[in-house]
Structure formats: C-alpha cells, structure tokens
Amino acid sequence: MSNNVPHYMIIGGGITGLSAAFYLKKQMTENEASGGGPFRISVVEKSPSFGGKIHTIGHDGFVIEKGPDSFLARKRPIIDLAYDLGMENELTGTNPKAKKTYIVRGRKLHRMPPGLVLGIPTQMTPFMKTGLLSPLGKLRAAMDLILPKRDIAEDESLGHFLERRLGKEVLERIVEPLLAGIYAGDTYKLSLKSTFPQFRAMEQKNRSLILGMMASRKNVTEESAHLPAAVRNSVFVTFRRGLQSLVEGLVDALSTVDLRAGIGVVSVRRVAAGQTEVIFEDGHREVVDGVIVTTPTYQAAKLLSELPAASKLAKIDYISVANVIMAFDRKDIPFELDASGFLVPKHEGYTITACTLTSAKWLHAAPEGKVLLRCYIGRAGEQEWPAWSDEQLISKARQDIGDLLGITAEPSFVEVTRLMHSMPQYPVGHLEAIADFNKELTAAMPRVLVTGAGFHGVGLPDCIRQGKEAAKLLGDLVLRHA
C-alpha cells in the first residue's frame, strides 16, 4: 500500500484483466465522486505487452489477426464495452456477399445448408437436401422432432447429448467441425452445462432441440437491436483496425492505472484480514487490499499453491492450436470468393481443421487485388504438431489448400502463430468443480478472485463479462467494508 490508499491488483493483462481493471476503476471512481476515498489499481502482466491472445499486425495494407479474429454479435458484453470506450463506430460485420460456408466430406467441399445454427437445422428442406449426410443420417436427425426429452439434472457430455438428440452423423460431420474453432476439444469429454447450457434448456422447454432452436431464431431480431446499424445483420463482428484497437482503447482508458508489463508474479497469499501479499519474480513483495487473478488456470494454480483448492484449477486441461496465414494475388485463386471459409471434420485425413477466406469474410483485411487465407491446425487428439517446424506447418497447410482449393501458387508472405496451451477444456462436472473452488477460495482469501477463460466461457465477450463480474464483486466487497 502507498500512503494508506487502498491498492487493488489485477494479475494478467489479457482481455479479462484489462476489462476487470476498466470496470473496477469505473466503480471506484464513481464511489470517489460520491464522497468515497481515493484508490489505486495496478495491472501486472508477465509478457512484454497487454492483450493476451489478441494480436493484430499490419503488413503491406493487410490487417492480420494472429489470435482471435472476431466475436459473436449477439453477446452483449463486448458490444457494451465498445460503447463504454466510445468505439462503437469502429465495429464492422462480415461481407454480406460471402455468406456461404463449406464442410469437407469425402475430400470435397460441400456447402453447409442454410438455416444451420451451431450445426442444428432450423430449416428442414435445405437440411434434407445436403450432401453432407446420408439418408439414414438425415432421418436420424429428424427423429429429434419426436424423441422425448430426458429429465436429468446431472451434467452430461456435449457429444453424448448431441448424439442422443441428432445422431452420430450430424455430430461428426457438422457439429464437431463447427465447435472445433471454439473449444478444439473432444465433444465426448466437454461438459454440456459449461459449453452450451442453452441446448439442454431447449430440450427441457421445447422437448426437441430442433424446435427449440427454431423458436430461439425468432428472437434474433430483438437481440440484435442493441447493435449499430452497420453490423446488425452480421453474426460475427470485429473492429475495422483489428481487435488490437480494443486493447489500445482499454489501455488508453486506463491511463491513470498502474500498468506494468514484463512483470511476473510467483505467489499470492493471505497475510492479514483483508490483505494479500503478492510476491514477484524479482523477489519484491507488495501487500494489497484485493486481487483479481486472470491468468490461465494452470498458472493461477501455481500462484495460489498454498491453497489446497488450487489443485482443482491445475486439473483443467488446455489444447494447443496454431494458425498459418497466407497472402496471394487474386489472379492465383481459382475460384469465386463468395464464402467465409470451410471446416474439416477430423476423420477426413487432413492436417488443417478449418480455413478462413479472411479477405472475403472481412473486406478491410486485404488490399485490392490481394487475398488472405488463414488455416487452423490442432485439436484434441491431434497434438503432435508442436514438434513440427514452422516450415512443416506451412507445407502441410499448403498441401491441404492445394488439394481442397486448387491453390498451387507461392504465397507472397506467410505468418505462423503458435498458441500453446490456449484452449481450456471444460470436462463434465466443470461447473461444480469451479463452484467448489470458489467456495474454498472465498473462505480462505475473501478478497482474492480468480476468473478468465478457464472458468465460464472462452470467447472474448465471455472473458470481458467475467472480468466485469469480478470487478463488481471485488468493488462491492471492499466498499461494503470501507
């Protein structure tokens, strides 16, 4: 502490940590304006820069995302944050002329039928015409319309739930490839309650998953009313100058906050009622009045190693993924750029799990006459790739797009990104384990909170929401005892 001014520290300067700092500052500033005392907030980040996995670079007029490239428009927290930062006019949607998406089957691209939402049909006619499924596979999926709901309170795996409702073909050929970009996990190990609780709610309310999804589609117009007009009809949204601009907006808004990059923490422990000691890699220590830890759970477990409950965090697995970004001249692309990309089921025998036609999906991503592609590598059961060199990753990605897209030209440049241990996996029972951890943490260290992608949602809006919620919890706690 400094001059007895309450000091709150956020460990981890990714999007969760920066959001927590932003909303904690907002709450404490409002309290100060109402007669409360001054305060101090610090954000410490081990890497040299803030933003976590978000990393936008410019290259000869290209806007390149080395980490996440967008977010779901229907998820409010990130839209609300854009408004809070005055950045709503920088939001941009996908190209309306590139709405097609393809899935590989039998080493050929098949168009995903219109009306699919997370792989679940909301229009039966195009679904029944698709070449992605056999006649028996389509019939089995349609049985969801007549199958009874299962009244069980326990958690189950996402894979078992979807196979139970729609059949194995829909799961393996459509849903798993779609979800690979979100979790990169084994659906038979992922928790339904932790990943898609709305699926179970639809089954309980509508009896049928298909009927439930059809009903939810009717609310889309209402849900999108909060969006700026320019992005109201887009499922995915980003920022015109890249997602890095959101990080820059947060850093600018935190100009009065003590932002420290390149600073590692080794331990967080309670030293007195309401006070916590933070021990840094260089050996120095600080006693603070509240802490929010937003690092990956395997790192948080080490920071809180004196707490027995931290072992629950250490058990959460992470998957590593990579992406290979390639730029080409338009004349070297032998097909119409009217699609956002394609997905690759794991049984098709390719290295890549998906490919985004980035410059078709996002009109701001490439200069006129140029094309930008992004290939994804890595998912559960396919974790041998980290041993490969960048040259091997590039070679395998080029081989796959050559086979599937007919692209044989040399790319004008390539960017390879390795996101090691970046995709947290929520096993069956995850919510209960997290609830137990939080209960034990609160009892032992009431002014220490742990949150982030390893807890209640992996997407950018989920991380922002969790950062905001943690800030509100800590702010309410310290103000209540002020």
Protein backbone atom coordinates (compact mmCIF):
# COMPACT_ATOMS: atom_id res chain seq x y z
CA MET A 1 0.00 0.00 0.00
CA SER A 2 1.04 3.60 -0.55
CA ASN A 3 0.11 6.37 1.91
CA ASN A 4 -2.71 4.19 3.18
CA VAL A 5 -4.55 4.49 -0.15
CA PRO A 6 -6.34 1.16 -0.85
CA HIS A 7 -4.50 -0.73 -3.56
CA TYR A 8 -6.11 -3.37 -5.80
CA MET A 9 -4.06 -5.56 -8.12
CA ILE A 10 -5.08 -7.45 -11.23
CA ILE A 11 -2.71 -10.21 -12.28
CA GLY A 12 -2.86 -10.86 -16.02
CA GLY A 13 -3.17 -8.20 -18.68
CA GLY A 14 -5.21 -10.09 -21.27
CA ILE A 15 -8.72 -9.05 -22.22
CA THR A 16 -10.17 -10.40 -18.95
CA GLY A 17 -7.67 -8.49 -16.81
CA LEU A 18 -7.95 -5.23 -18.74
CA SER A 19 -11.75 -5.44 -18.61
CA ALA A 20 -11.63 -6.08 -14.87
CA ALA A 21 -9.37 -3.06 -14.40
CA PHE A 22 -11.62 -0.87 -16.55
CA TYR A 23 -14.81 -1.72 -14.68
CA LEU A 24 -13.17 -1.67 -11.25
CA LYS A 25 -11.77 1.78 -12.00
CA LYS A 26 -15.21 2.91 -13.16
CA GLN A 27 -16.90 1.68 -9.98
CA MET A 28 -14.27 3.10 -7.63
CA THR A 29 -14.18 6.44 -9.48
CA GLU A 30 -17.96 6.75 -9.11
CA ASN A 31 -17.62 5.95 -5.42
CA GLU A 32 -14.88 8.58 -5.03
CA ALA A 33 -17.08 11.18 -6.75
CA SER A 34 -19.82 10.37 -4.23
CA GLY A 35 -17.57 11.10 -1.27
CA GLY A 36 -15.53 7.91 -1.07
CA GLY A 37 -11.79 7.87 -0.69
CA PRO A 38 -9.02 7.66 -3.32
CA PHE A 39 -7.79 4.30 -4.58
CA ARG A 40 -5.03 2.72 -6.61
CA ILE A 41 -5.26 -0.06 -9.22
CA SER A 42 -2.35 -1.98 -10.72
CA VAL A 43 -2.36 -4.43 -13.62
CA VAL A 44 0.69 -6.69 -13.87
CA GLU A 45 1.37 -8.75 -16.98
CA LYS A 46 4.27 -11.17 -17.41
CA SER A 47 4.62 -10.76 -21.19
CA PRO A 48 6.03 -7.55 -22.71
CA SER A 49 2.64 -6.30 -23.91
CA PHE A 50 -1.03 -6.28 -22.97
CA GLY A 51 -3.91 -8.01 -24.72
CA GLY A 52 -3.18 -11.70 -24.17
CA LYS A 53 -4.03 -13.73 -27.28
CA ILE A 54 -5.23 -10.66 -29.18
CA HIS A 55 -2.51 -9.68 -31.64
CA THR A 56 -3.18 -7.63 -34.77
CA ILE A 57 -0.41 -6.74 -37.19
CA GLY A 58 -0.32 -4.69 -40.37
CA HIS A 59 1.58 -5.89 -43.43
CA ASP A 60 1.58 -4.03 -46.78
CA GLY A 61 -2.04 -2.94 -46.36
CA PHE A 62 -3.25 -6.24 -44.82
CA VAL A 63 -4.92 -6.36 -41.41
CA ILE A 64 -3.83 -9.67 -39.90
CA GLU A 65 -5.14 -11.26 -36.72
CA LYS A 66 -2.63 -13.72 -35.28
CA GLY A 67 -5.01 -14.61 -32.45
CA PRO A 68 -8.83 -14.41 -32.36
CA ASP A 69 -10.32 -12.57 -35.33
CA SER A 70 -13.91 -11.80 -34.29
CA PHE A 71 -16.71 -12.39 -31.82
CA LEU A 72 -20.41 -13.25 -31.82
CA ALA A 73 -22.51 -10.14 -32.28
CA ARG A 74 -25.29 -11.44 -30.05
CA LYS A 75 -23.04 -11.48 -26.97
CA ARG A 76 -23.56 -8.13 -25.28
CA PRO A 77 -20.50 -7.62 -23.03
CA ILE A 78 -18.06 -6.78 -25.81
CA ILE A 79 -20.58 -4.54 -27.58
CA ASP A 80 -21.28 -2.76 -24.29
CA LEU A 81 -17.54 -2.32 -23.75
CA ALA A 82 -17.17 -0.83 -27.23
CA TYR A 83 -19.86 1.72 -26.33
CA ASP A 84 -18.23 2.40 -22.95
CA LEU A 85 -14.96 3.15 -24.76
CA GLY A 86 -16.65 5.24 -27.46
CA MET A 87 -15.58 2.73 -30.12
CA GLU A 88 -18.97 1.58 -31.40
CA ASN A 89 -18.43 3.24 -34.79
CA GLU A 90 -15.33 1.09 -35.35
CA LEU A 91 -17.34 -2.13 -35.29
CA THR A 92 -17.69 -3.91 -38.61
CA GLY A 93 -19.55 -7.01 -39.77
CA THR A 94 -18.76 -9.71 -42.27
CA ASN A 95 -19.04 -9.32 -46.03
CA PRO A 96 -22.73 -9.92 -46.92
CA LYS A 97 -21.63 -11.38 -50.27
CA ALA A 98 -19.60 -14.15 -48.62
CA LYS A 99 -22.20 -15.87 -46.50
CA LYS A 100 -21.52 -19.41 -47.70
CA THR A 101 -19.61 -21.86 -45.51
CA TYR A 102 -18.40 -25.27 -46.60
CA ILE A 103 -17.60 -28.54 -44.83
CA VAL A 104 -15.30 -31.19 -46.25
CA ARG A 105 -16.75 -34.63 -46.85
CA GLY A 106 -15.09 -37.28 -48.98
CA ARG A 107 -12.24 -34.83 -49.68
CA LYS A 108 -14.65 -32.43 -51.39
CA LEU A 109 -16.27 -29.19 -50.24
CA HIS A 110 -20.00 -29.37 -49.54
CA ARG A 111 -21.93 -26.21 -48.83
CA MET A 112 -23.36 -26.04 -45.36
CA PRO A 113 -27.15 -25.94 -45.74
CA PRO A 114 -28.82 -22.60 -44.96
CA GLY A 115 -30.53 -22.38 -41.59
CA LEU A 116 -27.94 -24.25 -39.56
CA VAL A 117 -27.27 -22.68 -36.16
CA LEU A 118 -24.32 -24.28 -34.36
CA GLY A 119 -24.92 -27.28 -36.60
CA ILE A 120 -28.60 -27.60 -35.66
CA PRO A 121 -31.13 -27.23 -38.51
CA THR A 122 -33.77 -24.52 -38.33
CA GLN A 123 -34.88 -25.09 -41.94
CA MET A 124 -35.62 -28.72 -42.74
CA THR A 125 -35.86 -28.57 -46.56
CA PRO A 126 -32.24 -27.49 -47.27
CA PHE A 127 -31.05 -29.78 -44.48
CA MET A 128 -32.70 -32.78 -46.15
CA LYS A 129 -31.04 -31.91 -49.48
CA THR A 130 -27.45 -31.62 -48.19
CA GLY A 131 -24.78 -33.99 -49.42
CA LEU A 132 -23.06 -33.89 -46.04
CA LEU A 133 -25.26 -36.62 -44.60
CA SER A 134 -26.53 -39.99 -45.73
CA PRO A 135 -30.31 -40.55 -46.00
CA LEU A 136 -30.17 -42.52 -42.76
CA GLY A 137 -28.22 -39.71 -41.09
CA LYS A 138 -30.89 -37.19 -42.08
CA LEU A 139 -33.66 -39.49 -40.88
CA ARG A 140 -31.91 -39.98 -37.56
CA ALA A 141 -31.53 -36.22 -37.11
CA ALA A 142 -35.23 -35.70 -37.86
CA MET A 143 -36.10 -38.10 -35.04
CA ASP A 144 -35.21 -35.26 -32.68
CA LEU A 145 -38.63 -33.86 -33.57
CA ILE A 146 -40.39 -36.82 -31.94
CA LEU A 147 -37.96 -38.12 -29.33
CA PRO A 148 -38.97 -37.41 -25.71
CA LYS A 149 -36.87 -35.10 -23.58
CA ARG A 150 -34.65 -36.61 -20.93
CA ASP A 151 -35.38 -35.31 -17.44
CA ILE A 152 -31.99 -35.46 -15.78
CA ALA A 153 -30.36 -32.84 -13.61
CA GLU A 154 -26.80 -34.19 -13.88
CA ASP A 155 -24.30 -32.85 -16.34
CA GLU A 156 -23.51 -34.91 -19.45
CA SER A 157 -21.03 -34.56 -22.25
CA LEU A 158 -21.82 -32.33 -25.20
CA GLY A 159 -21.10 -35.21 -27.59
CA HIS A 160 -23.40 -37.68 -25.87
CA PHE A 161 -26.18 -35.09 -25.73
CA LEU A 162 -25.94 -34.22 -29.44
CA GLU A 163 -25.64 -37.86 -30.48
CA ARG A 164 -28.68 -38.64 -28.35
CA ARG A 165 -30.73 -35.88 -29.97
CA LEU A 166 -29.44 -35.74 -33.57
CA GLY A 167 -27.39 -38.87 -34.18
CA LYS A 168 -23.71 -39.58 -34.72
CA GLU A 169 -23.51 -38.42 -38.34
CA VAL A 170 -24.67 -34.88 -37.57
CA LEU A 171 -22.29 -34.75 -34.63
CA GLU A 172 -19.20 -35.96 -36.53
CA ARG A 173 -19.81 -34.37 -39.93
CA ILE A 174 -21.32 -31.00 -38.98
CA VAL A 175 -21.36 -30.06 -35.31
CA GLU A 176 -17.87 -31.19 -34.24
CA PRO A 177 -16.11 -29.28 -37.05
CA LEU A 178 -18.11 -26.17 -36.17
CA LEU A 179 -17.29 -26.39 -32.47
CA ALA A 180 -13.60 -27.17 -33.08
CA GLY A 181 -12.97 -23.47 -33.64
CA ILE A 182 -14.40 -22.64 -30.22
CA TYR A 183 -13.02 -25.36 -27.96
CA ALA A 184 -10.77 -27.58 -30.15
CA GLY A 185 -11.89 -30.32 -27.80
CA ASP A 186 -13.33 -33.82 -27.70
CA THR A 187 -17.10 -33.33 -27.53
CA TYR A 188 -17.45 -36.59 -25.61
CA LYS A 189 -15.40 -35.04 -22.80
CA LEU A 190 -16.72 -31.48 -22.87
CA SER A 191 -19.41 -30.52 -20.37
CA LEU A 192 -22.82 -29.67 -21.81
CA LYS A 193 -23.65 -27.38 -18.88
CA SER A 194 -20.38 -25.48 -19.24
CA THR A 195 -20.31 -25.12 -23.03
CA PHE A 196 -23.87 -24.96 -24.36
CA PRO A 197 -26.34 -24.91 -21.46
CA GLN A 198 -28.90 -23.42 -23.85
CA PHE A 199 -29.09 -26.79 -25.65
CA ARG A 200 -30.27 -28.52 -22.52
CA ALA A 201 -32.68 -25.66 -21.79
CA MET A 202 -34.15 -26.05 -25.29
CA GLU A 203 -34.66 -29.77 -24.75
CA GLN A 204 -36.40 -29.14 -21.43
CA LYS A 205 -38.60 -26.30 -22.71
CA ASN A 206 -39.33 -27.44 -26.27
CA ARG A 207 -38.69 -31.20 -25.94
CA SER A 208 -36.87 -31.08 -29.29
CA LEU A 209 -33.51 -29.40 -29.90
CA ILE A 210 -34.54 -28.50 -33.47
CA LEU A 211 -37.85 -26.98 -32.34
CA GLY A 212 -36.04 -25.12 -29.58
CA MET A 213 -33.50 -23.66 -32.00
CA MET A 214 -36.28 -22.66 -34.40
CA ALA A 215 -38.04 -20.84 -31.56
CA SER A 216 -34.83 -19.09 -30.50
CA ARG A 217 -34.25 -17.85 -34.06
CA LYS A 218 -37.39 -15.76 -33.75
CA ASN A 219 -35.67 -13.70 -31.09
CA VAL A 220 -32.67 -12.84 -33.25
CA THR A 221 -34.13 -9.53 -34.45
CA GLU A 222 -34.83 -8.42 -30.89
CA GLU A 223 -31.36 -9.49 -29.73
CA SER A 224 -29.64 -7.52 -32.49
CA ALA A 225 -31.50 -4.30 -31.73
CA HIS A 226 -28.60 -3.17 -29.49
CA LEU A 227 -26.11 -3.31 -32.36
CA PRO A 228 -25.05 -0.37 -34.50
CA ALA A 229 -26.94 -0.45 -37.80
CA ALA A 230 -23.78 -1.26 -39.77
CA VAL A 231 -23.37 -4.65 -38.08
CA ARG A 232 -26.97 -5.51 -37.19
CA ASN A 233 -27.28 -8.31 -39.75
CA SER A 234 -23.88 -9.90 -39.12
CA VAL A 235 -23.39 -12.98 -36.96
CA PHE A 236 -19.72 -12.16 -36.40
CA VAL A 237 -18.25 -8.73 -35.70
CA THR A 238 -14.78 -7.24 -35.31
CA PHE A 239 -13.12 -3.82 -35.36
CA ARG A 240 -12.07 -2.11 -38.59
CA ARG A 241 -8.46 -1.70 -37.46
CA GLY A 242 -8.39 -5.14 -35.87
CA LEU A 243 -9.07 -6.42 -32.38
CA GLN A 244 -5.85 -4.80 -31.17
CA SER A 245 -7.73 -1.50 -31.29
CA LEU A 246 -9.96 -2.74 -28.45
CA VAL A 247 -6.85 -3.43 -26.36
CA GLU A 248 -5.49 0.01 -27.24
CA GLY A 249 -8.83 1.58 -26.27
CA LEU A 250 -8.72 -0.15 -22.89
CA VAL A 251 -5.09 0.84 -22.26
CA ASP A 252 -5.91 4.46 -23.12
CA ALA A 253 -8.91 4.39 -20.76
CA LEU A 254 -6.61 3.03 -18.04
CA SER A 255 -4.11 5.89 -18.30
CA THR A 256 -4.44 6.61 -14.57
CA VAL A 257 -3.98 2.93 -13.68
CA ASP A 258 -0.56 1.48 -12.85
CA LEU A 259 0.02 -0.75 -15.90
CA ARG A 260 3.12 -2.94 -15.64
CA ALA A 261 4.16 -5.23 -18.48
CA GLY A 262 7.09 -7.64 -18.30
CA ILE A 263 6.41 -8.25 -14.60
CA GLY A 264 5.93 -11.84 -13.44
CA VAL A 265 4.22 -12.94 -10.22
CA VAL A 266 5.15 -16.16 -8.41
CA SER A 267 2.81 -16.25 -5.42
CA VAL A 268 -0.37 -14.76 -3.97
CA ARG A 269 -1.03 -15.40 -0.28
CA ARG A 270 -3.08 -14.02 2.56
CA VAL A 271 -1.12 -12.13 5.22
CA ALA A 272 -3.88 -10.49 7.29
CA ALA A 273 -7.62 -9.97 7.33
CA GLY A 274 -8.49 -8.14 4.14
CA GLN A 275 -4.89 -8.01 2.91
CA THR A 276 -2.96 -10.11 0.43
CA GLU A 277 0.74 -10.35 -0.33
CA VAL A 278 1.83 -10.55 -3.95
CA ILE A 279 5.36 -11.89 -4.50
CA PHE A 280 7.07 -11.08 -7.80
CA GLU A 281 9.67 -12.98 -9.82
CA ASP A 282 12.34 -10.42 -8.97
CA GLY A 283 11.75 -11.05 -5.27
CA HIS A 284 9.96 -7.88 -4.28
CA ARG A 285 6.65 -8.05 -2.45
CA GLU A 286 3.58 -5.86 -2.24
CA VAL A 287 0.71 -6.01 0.22
CA VAL A 288 -2.58 -5.07 -1.43
CA ASP A 289 -6.22 -4.81 -0.42
CA GLY A 290 -7.69 -7.01 -3.16
CA VAL A 291 -6.56 -9.20 -6.04
CA ILE A 292 -8.16 -10.44 -9.26
CA VAL A 293 -6.19 -13.25 -10.93
CA THR A 294 -6.99 -13.60 -14.66
CA THR A 295 -4.16 -15.88 -15.83
CA PRO A 296 -4.80 -19.33 -17.36
CA THR A 297 -5.87 -21.76 -14.65
CA TYR A 298 -2.61 -23.74 -14.73
CA GLN A 299 -0.76 -20.53 -13.88
CA ALA A 300 -3.33 -19.45 -11.29
CA ALA A 301 -2.90 -22.83 -9.57
CA LYS A 302 0.83 -22.12 -9.14
CA LEU A 303 0.20 -18.60 -7.82
CA LEU A 304 -2.21 -19.98 -5.22
CA SER A 305 -0.23 -23.15 -4.46
CA GLU A 306 -0.64 -22.64 -0.70
CA LEU A 307 -4.40 -23.04 -1.14
CA PRO A 308 -5.44 -26.74 -1.33
CA ALA A 309 -8.38 -25.87 -3.60
CA ALA A 310 -5.93 -24.67 -6.27
CA SER A 311 -5.38 -28.31 -7.23
CA LYS A 312 -8.82 -28.17 -8.90
CA LEU A 313 -7.52 -25.49 -11.28
CA ALA A 314 -4.40 -27.50 -12.09
CA LYS A 315 -6.60 -30.33 -13.38
CA ILE A 316 -8.17 -28.24 -16.17
CA ASP A 317 -6.62 -29.31 -19.49
CA TYR A 318 -5.65 -26.95 -22.31
CA ILE A 319 -5.29 -27.71 -26.02
CA SER A 320 -2.62 -26.09 -28.20
CA VAL A 321 -3.50 -24.70 -31.63
CA ALA A 322 -1.71 -22.91 -34.45
CA ASN A 323 -2.67 -20.88 -37.47
CA VAL A 324 -0.93 -20.36 -40.78
CA ILE A 325 -1.84 -17.14 -42.56
CA MET A 326 -1.01 -16.81 -46.27
CA ALA A 327 -1.36 -13.95 -48.74
CA PHE A 328 -1.85 -14.40 -52.50
CA ASP A 329 -2.55 -12.37 -55.61
CA ARG A 330 -6.21 -12.60 -56.61
CA LYS A 331 -5.24 -13.94 -60.04
CA ASP A 332 -3.77 -17.04 -58.36
CA ILE A 333 -7.03 -18.02 -56.65
CA PRO A 334 -9.01 -20.34 -58.98
CA PHE A 335 -12.49 -19.86 -57.51
CA GLU A 336 -15.13 -17.28 -56.63
CA LEU A 337 -14.56 -15.57 -53.28
CA ASP A 338 -18.18 -15.81 -52.14
CA ALA A 339 -17.66 -17.83 -48.93
CA SER A 340 -16.21 -17.20 -45.48
CA GLY A 341 -14.32 -20.49 -45.48
CA PHE A 342 -14.61 -24.20 -44.80
CA LEU A 343 -14.40 -26.69 -41.93
CA VAL A 344 -12.64 -30.05 -41.87
CA PRO A 345 -14.02 -32.98 -39.82
CA LYS A 346 -11.30 -34.92 -38.03
CA HIS A 347 -11.96 -38.15 -39.93
CA GLU A 348 -11.18 -36.59 -43.34
CA GLY A 349 -7.44 -37.10 -43.05
CA TYR A 350 -6.25 -33.51 -43.38
CA THR A 351 -3.90 -31.60 -41.10
CA ILE A 352 -5.87 -28.36 -41.04
CA THR A 353 -9.10 -28.18 -39.05
CA ALA A 354 -10.54 -25.20 -40.92
CA CYS A 355 -9.65 -22.44 -43.35
CA THR A 356 -11.00 -18.90 -43.30
CA LEU A 357 -11.05 -16.94 -46.56
CA THR A 358 -10.18 -13.92 -44.46
CA SER A 359 -10.25 -11.25 -47.14
CA ALA A 360 -13.61 -12.50 -48.41
CA LYS A 361 -15.10 -12.63 -44.91
CA TRP A 362 -13.71 -9.22 -43.86
CA LEU A 363 -13.50 -6.56 -46.57
CA HIS A 364 -10.98 -4.50 -44.59
CA ALA A 365 -8.48 -7.35 -44.27
CA ALA A 366 -6.62 -7.10 -47.60
CA PRO A 367 -5.77 -4.52 -50.29
CA GLU A 368 -7.49 -4.57 -53.66
CA GLY A 369 -6.33 -7.50 -55.79
CA LYS A 370 -4.97 -9.46 -52.84
CA VAL A 371 -6.32 -12.48 -50.92
CA LEU A 372 -5.66 -13.50 -47.35
CA LEU A 373 -6.26 -17.06 -46.09
CA ARG A 374 -5.95 -18.43 -42.55
CA CYS A 375 -5.54 -22.16 -41.90
CA TYR A 376 -6.07 -23.66 -38.44
CA ILE A 377 -4.14 -26.62 -37.04
CA GLY A 378 -4.61 -28.56 -33.79
CA ARG A 379 -7.43 -30.04 -31.74
CA ALA A 380 -7.96 -32.76 -29.14
CA GLY A 381 -6.34 -35.99 -30.31
CA GLU A 382 -4.14 -34.10 -32.80
CA GLN A 383 -1.45 -32.59 -30.61
CA GLU A 384 1.65 -33.84 -32.39
CA TRP A 385 2.06 -30.63 -34.40
CA PRO A 386 4.00 -28.61 -31.72
CA ALA A 387 7.05 -30.75 -32.56
CA TRP A 388 6.93 -29.62 -36.18
CA SER A 389 8.91 -26.70 -37.54
CA ASP A 390 7.20 -23.64 -38.98
CA GLU A 391 8.24 -24.85 -42.42
CA GLN A 392 6.45 -28.16 -41.82
CA LEU A 393 3.29 -26.38 -40.65
CA ILE A 394 3.34 -24.20 -43.76
CA SER A 395 4.00 -27.18 -46.05
CA LYS A 396 1.10 -29.19 -44.61
CA ALA A 397 -1.29 -26.23 -44.77
CA ARG A 398 -0.32 -25.53 -48.39
CA GLN A 399 -0.74 -29.18 -49.30
CA ASP A 400 -4.26 -29.19 -47.83
CA ILE A 401 -5.44 -25.99 -49.53
CA GLY A 402 -3.85 -27.19 -52.75
CA ASP A 403 -5.90 -30.38 -52.60
CA LEU A 404 -9.15 -28.75 -51.46
CA LEU A 405 -9.00 -25.33 -53.15
CA GLY A 406 -6.64 -25.91 -56.06
CA ILE A 407 -4.24 -23.19 -54.91
CA THR A 408 -0.74 -24.02 -56.10
CA ALA A 409 0.86 -20.56 -56.26
CA GLU A 410 3.58 -19.48 -53.84
CA PRO A 411 2.16 -17.16 -51.15
CA SER A 412 3.59 -13.65 -51.15
CA PHE A 413 4.11 -13.94 -47.40
CA VAL A 414 3.24 -16.30 -44.54
CA GLU A 415 2.62 -15.73 -40.82
CA VAL A 416 2.68 -18.67 -38.39
CA THR A 417 1.25 -18.35 -34.88
CA ARG A 418 1.58 -20.98 -32.18
CA LEU A 419 -0.97 -20.60 -29.38
CA MET A 420 0.35 -23.06 -26.84
CA HIS A 421 -1.97 -24.32 -24.10
CA SER A 422 -4.52 -21.74 -25.16
CA MET A 423 -7.86 -23.57 -25.35
CA PRO A 424 -9.27 -24.58 -21.92
CA GLN A 425 -11.32 -27.76 -21.83
CA TYR A 426 -14.42 -27.92 -19.64
CA PRO A 427 -14.92 -31.54 -18.54
CA VAL A 428 -18.21 -32.97 -17.34
CA GLY A 429 -18.73 -31.61 -13.82
CA HIS A 430 -16.68 -28.47 -14.54
CA LEU A 431 -19.23 -26.05 -13.08
CA GLU A 432 -19.44 -27.98 -9.84
CA ALA A 433 -15.64 -28.12 -9.53
CA ILE A 434 -15.37 -24.35 -10.13
CA ALA A 435 -18.12 -23.66 -7.61
CA ASP A 436 -16.27 -25.77 -5.01
CA PHE A 437 -13.01 -23.94 -5.76
CA ASN A 438 -14.64 -20.52 -5.40
CA LYS A 439 -16.26 -21.52 -2.11
CA GLU A 440 -12.92 -22.63 -0.67
CA LEU A 441 -11.13 -19.57 -2.07
CA THR A 442 -13.69 -17.18 -0.56
CA ALA A 443 -13.39 -18.84 2.84
CA ALA A 444 -9.59 -18.69 2.84
CA MET A 445 -8.91 -15.46 0.90
CA PRO A 446 -12.12 -13.40 0.64
CA ARG A 447 -10.53 -10.53 -1.27
CA VAL A 448 -8.89 -12.72 -3.91
CA LEU A 449 -10.88 -13.60 -7.02
CA VAL A 450 -9.82 -15.87 -9.89
CA THR A 451 -11.53 -15.71 -13.28
CA GLY A 452 -10.99 -15.93 -17.04
CA ALA A 453 -11.37 -18.27 -19.99
CA GLY A 454 -10.78 -21.38 -17.88
CA PHE A 455 -13.92 -20.72 -15.85
CA HIS A 456 -17.16 -19.70 -17.54
CA GLY A 457 -16.62 -19.10 -21.26
CA VAL A 458 -13.70 -18.91 -23.69
CA GLY A 459 -14.81 -16.26 -26.20
CA LEU A 460 -13.85 -12.59 -25.99
CA PRO A 461 -17.32 -11.50 -24.81
CA ASP A 462 -17.26 -14.22 -22.13
CA CYS A 463 -13.86 -13.07 -20.89
CA ILE A 464 -14.99 -9.45 -20.78
CA ARG A 465 -18.14 -10.45 -18.89
CA GLN A 466 -16.12 -12.42 -16.35
CA GLY A 467 -13.69 -9.55 -15.86
CA LYS A 468 -16.58 -7.15 -15.31
CA GLU A 469 -18.29 -9.52 -12.87
CA ALA A 470 -15.08 -10.00 -10.87
CA ALA A 471 -14.57 -6.24 -10.72
CA LYS A 472 -18.12 -5.76 -9.44
CA LEU A 473 -17.65 -8.49 -6.80
CA LEU A 474 -14.39 -7.04 -5.54
CA GLY A 475 -15.67 -3.46 -5.67
CA ASP A 476 -18.83 -4.32 -3.75
CA LEU A 477 -16.81 -6.29 -1.20
CA VAL A 478 -14.31 -3.55 -0.41
CA LEU A 479 -16.88 -0.75 -0.43
CA ARG A 480 -19.16 -2.71 1.88
CA HIS A 481 -16.34 -2.95 4.42
CA ALA A 482 -14.88 0.52 3.83
